[in-house]
Amino acid sequence: MNASFQRLCAKLAAAGVPDARYDAAELYRFVTGRDPRLDTAPTPAEAERLAALAERRAEREPLQYLLGEWDFYGMTLKVGPGVLCPRADTEIVCEAALELLQGAANPTVYDLCAGTGCLGLAIAAQRPDAAVTCVEKSDAAWPYLTANAAQAPNLRTVQADVFTFWQTLPQGGADLIISNPPYLTAEEMQHLQPEVAQEPAMALEAGDDGLVFYRALASLHYRDALRPGGALVLEIGWQQRQAVMELLAGNGWADIECRRDYGGNDRCIIAHRPK
């Protein structure tokens, strides 16, 4: 039995780390390149490095930050302090977007509040004919976005604010706009899981009601940037379905629907510019 790995599991569990054994195994593989179930023990140098990472994980630094990368929709993306960690729940948003692009030749796509670029990159990877633009404001997130964008020759990056970016867009020029914007309320920000609290507040908080960014994205400016029939695809918090759908309806969007993630929670809103 690998005693070092068992001690690592116990340390993370004692610190309250969710799924401590999984995280311990990921850290062990990251440091040693070996499976802890098959390995007898780390070398002294590996043990020292592993202990340092274990201490940081016990302090609830996100596992993704410690590893420096994370998988999303079949891709491996650079990630670290200053950028939101890609999450499996977001993959349903990608799936909806790709479904909507079926039959569209050489589509123009904008990923707003892009962060790591996970949404835009997934679309670019699945649709090499698409012209994809990832838009991100944060100086801290920007290096991760640009590093990840190197994977996709059909993707460009723009550092800009979504509250004004619409001014640069021609009317009717886009086939799809996709976004996972900040959507936590001020109250929710006070009760974050310790790992999430170490992710950038800029990527999480959206005012007292969590709807600040949805108001901007639902506006006529972004609606009219789409071609007639073009789609807007948004990730939402699990309690925001009604509020976001009402915002969209109030701004003249059509064919509004909500889809659930694989955990059964409301996660994705789709709306169209009227034809």
Protein backbone atom coordinates (compact mmCIF):
# COMPACT_ATOMS: atom_id res chain seq x y z
CA MET A 1 0.00 0.00 0.00
CA ASN A 2 1.24 3.50 -0.85
CA ALA A 3 1.46 5.10 2.59
CA SER A 4 2.28 8.54 1.18
CA PHE A 5 -0.88 8.54 -0.88
CA GLN A 6 -2.98 7.40 2.09
CA ARG A 7 -1.59 10.24 4.19
CA LEU A 8 -2.37 12.69 1.39
CA CYS A 9 -5.97 11.46 1.23
CA ALA A 10 -6.32 11.80 5.00
CA LYS A 11 -4.90 15.33 5.00
CA LEU A 12 -7.30 16.56 2.33
CA ALA A 13 -10.27 14.83 3.92
CA ALA A 14 -9.46 16.39 7.29
CA ALA A 15 -9.40 19.81 5.60
CA GLY A 16 -12.93 19.27 4.29
CA VAL A 17 -11.93 18.94 0.64
CA PRO A 18 -14.86 17.47 -1.34
CA ASP A 19 -13.93 14.14 -2.97
CA ALA A 20 -10.54 14.21 -1.25
CA ARG A 21 -9.39 10.88 -2.67
CA TYR A 22 -9.95 12.04 -6.26
CA ASP A 23 -8.01 15.25 -5.66
CA ALA A 24 -5.21 13.36 -3.92
CA ALA A 25 -4.88 11.00 -6.89
CA GLU A 26 -4.82 13.91 -9.35
CA LEU A 27 -2.09 15.66 -7.38
CA TYR A 28 -0.08 12.44 -7.06
CA ARG A 29 -0.22 11.81 -10.81
CA PHE A 30 0.61 15.44 -11.52
CA VAL A 31 3.77 15.34 -9.41
CA THR A 32 5.02 11.83 -10.11
CA GLY A 33 3.47 10.92 -13.45
CA ARG A 34 2.46 7.61 -11.89
CA ASP A 35 -0.76 5.99 -10.66
CA PRO A 36 -0.85 6.00 -6.84
CA ARG A 37 -2.66 2.65 -6.87
CA LEU A 38 0.33 1.03 -8.58
CA ASP A 39 3.21 3.10 -7.22
CA THR A 40 5.01 2.18 -4.00
CA ALA A 41 6.20 5.64 -2.93
CA PRO A 42 7.24 9.05 -4.29
CA THR A 43 10.92 9.99 -4.40
CA PRO A 44 12.12 12.47 -1.72
CA ALA A 45 11.94 15.32 -4.24
CA GLU A 46 8.46 14.29 -5.34
CA ALA A 47 7.32 13.95 -1.74
CA GLU A 48 8.49 17.49 -0.98
CA ARG A 49 6.64 18.93 -3.96
CA LEU A 50 3.56 16.88 -3.19
CA ALA A 51 3.53 18.12 0.41
CA ALA A 52 3.63 21.73 -0.76
CA LEU A 53 0.71 21.21 -3.15
CA ALA A 54 -1.23 19.28 -0.52
CA GLU A 55 -0.88 22.19 1.88
CA ARG A 56 -2.29 24.58 -0.71
CA ARG A 57 -5.16 22.22 -1.53
CA ALA A 58 -5.90 21.82 2.18
CA GLU A 59 -6.24 25.60 2.27
CA ARG A 60 -8.91 25.07 -0.42
CA GLU A 61 -7.03 26.49 -3.38
CA PRO A 62 -8.85 25.06 -6.42
CA LEU A 63 -7.39 21.83 -7.77
CA GLN A 64 -7.56 23.31 -11.27
CA TYR A 65 -5.23 26.13 -10.22
CA LEU A 66 -2.73 23.71 -8.72
CA LEU A 67 -2.66 21.58 -11.87
CA GLY A 68 -2.53 24.63 -14.14
CA GLU A 69 -4.90 23.11 -16.67
CA TRP A 70 -8.30 21.45 -16.87
CA ASP A 71 -10.23 19.45 -19.45
CA PHE A 72 -13.40 20.79 -21.04
CA TYR A 73 -15.33 19.32 -23.95
CA GLY A 74 -12.40 17.19 -25.11
CA MET A 75 -9.85 20.01 -24.83
CA THR A 76 -7.17 20.73 -22.23
CA LEU A 77 -7.18 24.40 -21.24
CA LYS A 78 -4.71 26.53 -19.31
CA VAL A 79 -6.22 27.78 -16.06
CA GLY A 80 -5.00 29.48 -12.89
CA PRO A 81 -5.55 32.32 -10.42
CA GLY A 82 -7.47 35.16 -12.04
CA VAL A 83 -9.72 33.13 -14.33
CA LEU A 84 -12.91 31.16 -13.76
CA CYS A 85 -12.44 27.37 -13.77
CA PRO A 86 -14.28 25.59 -16.60
CA ARG A 87 -17.07 23.38 -15.27
CA ALA A 88 -18.79 20.30 -16.62
CA ASP A 89 -22.22 21.93 -16.23
CA THR A 90 -21.22 24.44 -18.91
CA GLU A 91 -20.84 21.72 -21.53
CA ILE A 92 -24.63 21.66 -22.03
CA VAL A 93 -24.34 25.28 -23.20
CA CYS A 94 -21.80 24.20 -25.83
CA GLU A 95 -24.00 21.37 -26.96
CA ALA A 96 -26.95 23.71 -27.45
CA ALA A 97 -24.85 26.18 -29.42
CA LEU A 98 -23.43 23.53 -31.73
CA GLU A 99 -26.90 22.15 -32.35
CA LEU A 100 -28.13 25.62 -33.34
CA LEU A 101 -25.24 26.05 -35.78
CA GLN A 102 -26.10 22.92 -37.73
CA GLY A 103 -26.78 23.86 -41.30
CA ALA A 104 -25.14 27.29 -41.01
CA ALA A 105 -22.17 27.59 -43.38
CA ASN A 106 -19.14 29.56 -42.15
CA PRO A 107 -20.99 30.97 -39.12
CA THR A 108 -19.88 34.05 -37.22
CA VAL A 109 -19.84 33.46 -33.45
CA TYR A 110 -19.11 35.68 -30.45
CA ASP A 111 -18.25 34.31 -27.01
CA LEU A 112 -18.80 37.13 -24.53
CA CYS A 113 -17.26 37.10 -21.00
CA ALA A 114 -15.04 34.37 -22.41
CA GLY A 115 -12.69 33.72 -19.46
CA THR A 116 -10.53 30.73 -20.47
CA GLY A 117 -12.33 30.76 -23.82
CA CYS A 118 -13.83 27.33 -23.15
CA LEU A 119 -17.12 28.01 -24.94
CA GLY A 120 -15.66 29.69 -28.00
CA LEU A 121 -12.85 27.16 -28.25
CA ALA A 122 -15.26 24.24 -28.12
CA ILE A 123 -17.25 25.73 -30.98
CA ALA A 124 -14.08 26.52 -32.96
CA ALA A 125 -12.82 22.97 -32.50
CA GLN A 126 -16.09 21.38 -33.61
CA ARG A 127 -16.72 23.89 -36.40
CA PRO A 128 -13.43 24.73 -38.16
CA ASP A 129 -15.43 26.72 -40.71
CA ALA A 130 -16.69 29.12 -38.03
CA ALA A 131 -15.23 32.57 -37.39
CA VAL A 132 -15.19 32.72 -33.58
CA THR A 133 -14.37 35.78 -31.47
CA CYS A 134 -13.77 35.50 -27.71
CA VAL A 135 -14.29 38.73 -25.77
CA GLU A 136 -12.89 39.18 -22.26
CA LYS A 137 -12.29 42.31 -20.19
CA SER A 138 -10.19 41.02 -17.29
CA ASP A 139 -6.45 41.67 -17.37
CA ALA A 140 -5.97 38.65 -15.10
CA ALA A 141 -7.94 36.28 -17.32
CA TRP A 142 -6.49 37.58 -20.57
CA PRO A 143 -3.20 35.55 -20.55
CA TYR A 144 -5.13 32.30 -20.12
CA LEU A 145 -7.51 33.18 -22.95
CA THR A 146 -4.75 34.06 -25.38
CA ALA A 147 -2.73 30.95 -24.48
CA ASN A 148 -5.74 28.72 -25.02
CA ALA A 149 -6.67 30.49 -28.24
CA ALA A 150 -3.44 29.22 -29.80
CA GLN A 151 -5.23 25.86 -30.20
CA ALA A 152 -7.68 27.29 -32.73
CA PRO A 153 -6.57 29.12 -35.90
CA ASN A 154 -10.18 30.15 -36.57
CA LEU A 155 -10.50 31.99 -33.25
CA ARG A 156 -9.57 35.57 -32.44
CA THR A 157 -9.47 37.29 -29.06
CA VAL A 158 -10.59 40.80 -28.15
CA GLN A 159 -10.05 42.51 -24.81
CA ALA A 160 -13.20 44.54 -24.33
CA ASP A 161 -16.16 45.22 -22.05
CA VAL A 162 -19.44 43.51 -23.03
CA PHE A 163 -21.33 46.61 -21.88
CA THR A 164 -19.83 48.55 -24.81
CA PHE A 165 -18.54 45.88 -27.21
CA TRP A 166 -21.82 45.94 -29.14
CA GLN A 167 -20.79 49.33 -30.53
CA THR A 168 -18.17 47.60 -32.71
CA LEU A 169 -20.58 45.07 -34.21
CA PRO A 170 -22.41 45.47 -37.50
CA GLN A 171 -26.14 44.89 -37.44
CA GLY A 172 -27.17 41.44 -38.57
CA GLY A 173 -23.62 40.13 -38.86
CA ALA A 174 -23.57 37.29 -36.31
CA ASP A 175 -25.08 33.84 -36.41
CA LEU A 176 -24.69 33.12 -32.70
CA ILE A 177 -23.75 34.86 -29.46
CA ILE A 178 -22.84 32.67 -26.51
CA SER A 179 -21.98 33.67 -22.96
CA ASN A 180 -21.40 32.37 -19.47
CA PRO A 181 -21.52 35.75 -17.73
CA PRO A 182 -21.18 36.51 -14.02
CA TYR A 183 -24.54 35.70 -12.42
CA LEU A 184 -24.20 35.41 -8.64
CA THR A 185 -26.09 37.82 -6.42
CA ALA A 186 -24.41 39.91 -3.75
CA GLU A 187 -25.97 37.62 -1.13
CA GLU A 188 -24.67 34.47 -2.86
CA MET A 189 -21.18 35.97 -2.92
CA GLN A 190 -21.23 35.96 0.87
CA HIS A 191 -21.74 32.17 1.03
CA LEU A 192 -19.34 30.71 -1.51
CA GLN A 193 -17.70 27.32 -1.25
CA PRO A 194 -14.06 27.97 -0.15
CA GLU A 195 -12.68 26.98 -3.56
CA VAL A 196 -15.07 29.25 -5.44
CA ALA A 197 -14.20 32.13 -3.11
CA GLN A 198 -10.66 31.95 -4.52
CA GLU A 199 -11.87 32.41 -8.07
CA PRO A 200 -12.10 36.00 -9.35
CA ALA A 201 -15.10 37.93 -8.03
CA MET A 202 -15.16 39.78 -11.35
CA ALA A 203 -16.17 36.50 -13.04
CA LEU A 204 -18.86 35.69 -10.48
CA GLU A 205 -20.71 38.71 -9.10
CA ALA A 206 -23.51 40.42 -11.01
CA GLY A 207 -25.08 42.94 -8.66
CA ASP A 208 -27.75 42.61 -6.01
CA ASP A 209 -30.06 40.49 -8.16
CA GLY A 210 -27.47 38.66 -10.30
CA LEU A 211 -28.95 40.04 -13.53
CA VAL A 212 -26.67 42.93 -14.46
CA PHE A 213 -25.00 41.11 -17.35
CA TYR A 214 -28.21 39.49 -18.57
CA ARG A 215 -29.76 42.94 -18.94
CA ALA A 216 -26.87 43.94 -21.20
CA LEU A 217 -26.93 40.71 -23.22
CA ALA A 218 -30.70 40.81 -23.61
CA SER A 219 -30.62 44.36 -24.95
CA LEU A 220 -31.62 45.35 -28.47
CA HIS A 221 -27.95 46.07 -29.20
CA TYR A 222 -26.97 42.40 -29.08
CA ARG A 223 -30.27 41.20 -30.50
CA ASP A 224 -29.78 43.35 -33.57
CA ALA A 225 -26.15 42.24 -33.95
CA LEU A 226 -27.54 38.82 -34.91
CA ARG A 227 -28.92 37.96 -38.31
CA PRO A 228 -32.70 37.38 -38.36
CA GLY A 229 -33.18 33.97 -36.76
CA GLY A 230 -29.74 34.07 -35.14
CA ALA A 231 -29.41 32.73 -31.61
CA LEU A 232 -28.31 33.86 -28.19
CA VAL A 233 -27.19 31.06 -25.82
CA LEU A 234 -26.66 31.89 -22.15
CA GLU A 235 -25.59 29.95 -19.10
CA ILE A 236 -27.74 30.80 -16.07
CA GLY A 237 -27.83 30.07 -12.37
CA TRP A 238 -30.25 27.33 -11.36
CA GLN A 239 -32.80 29.82 -9.97
CA GLN A 240 -32.68 32.38 -12.79
CA ARG A 241 -34.82 30.80 -15.50
CA GLN A 242 -37.89 32.98 -15.10
CA ALA A 243 -36.07 36.27 -14.59
CA VAL A 244 -33.80 35.84 -17.62
CA MET A 245 -36.60 34.65 -19.88
CA GLU A 246 -38.68 37.68 -18.89
CA LEU A 247 -35.77 40.02 -19.71
CA LEU A 248 -35.44 38.46 -23.14
CA ALA A 249 -39.16 38.52 -23.85
CA GLY A 250 -39.30 42.17 -22.82
CA ASN A 251 -36.66 42.99 -25.43
CA GLY A 252 -38.45 41.27 -28.27
CA TRP A 253 -36.52 38.01 -28.44
CA ALA A 254 -38.37 35.02 -29.92
CA ASP A 255 -38.54 31.25 -29.39
CA ILE A 256 -37.14 31.46 -25.87
CA GLU A 257 -36.45 28.15 -24.14
CA CYS A 258 -34.54 26.75 -21.18
CA ARG A 259 -32.53 23.53 -21.02
CA ARG A 260 -31.31 21.64 -17.98
CA ASP A 261 -27.83 20.35 -17.30
CA TYR A 262 -27.10 16.70 -16.60
CA GLY A 263 -27.70 17.30 -12.90
CA GLY A 264 -31.29 18.31 -13.66
CA ASN A 265 -30.81 22.03 -12.96
CA ASP A 266 -31.92 24.86 -15.25
CA ARG A 267 -28.65 25.87 -16.94
CA CYS A 268 -29.04 27.15 -20.50
CA ILE A 269 -31.34 29.76 -22.03
CA ILE A 270 -31.75 29.99 -25.79
CA ALA A 271 -33.39 32.90 -27.59
CA HIS A 272 -33.56 34.08 -31.21
CA ARG A 273 -33.73 37.34 -33.05
CA PRO A 274 -37.11 37.29 -34.78
CA LYS A 275 -36.97 36.37 -38.46
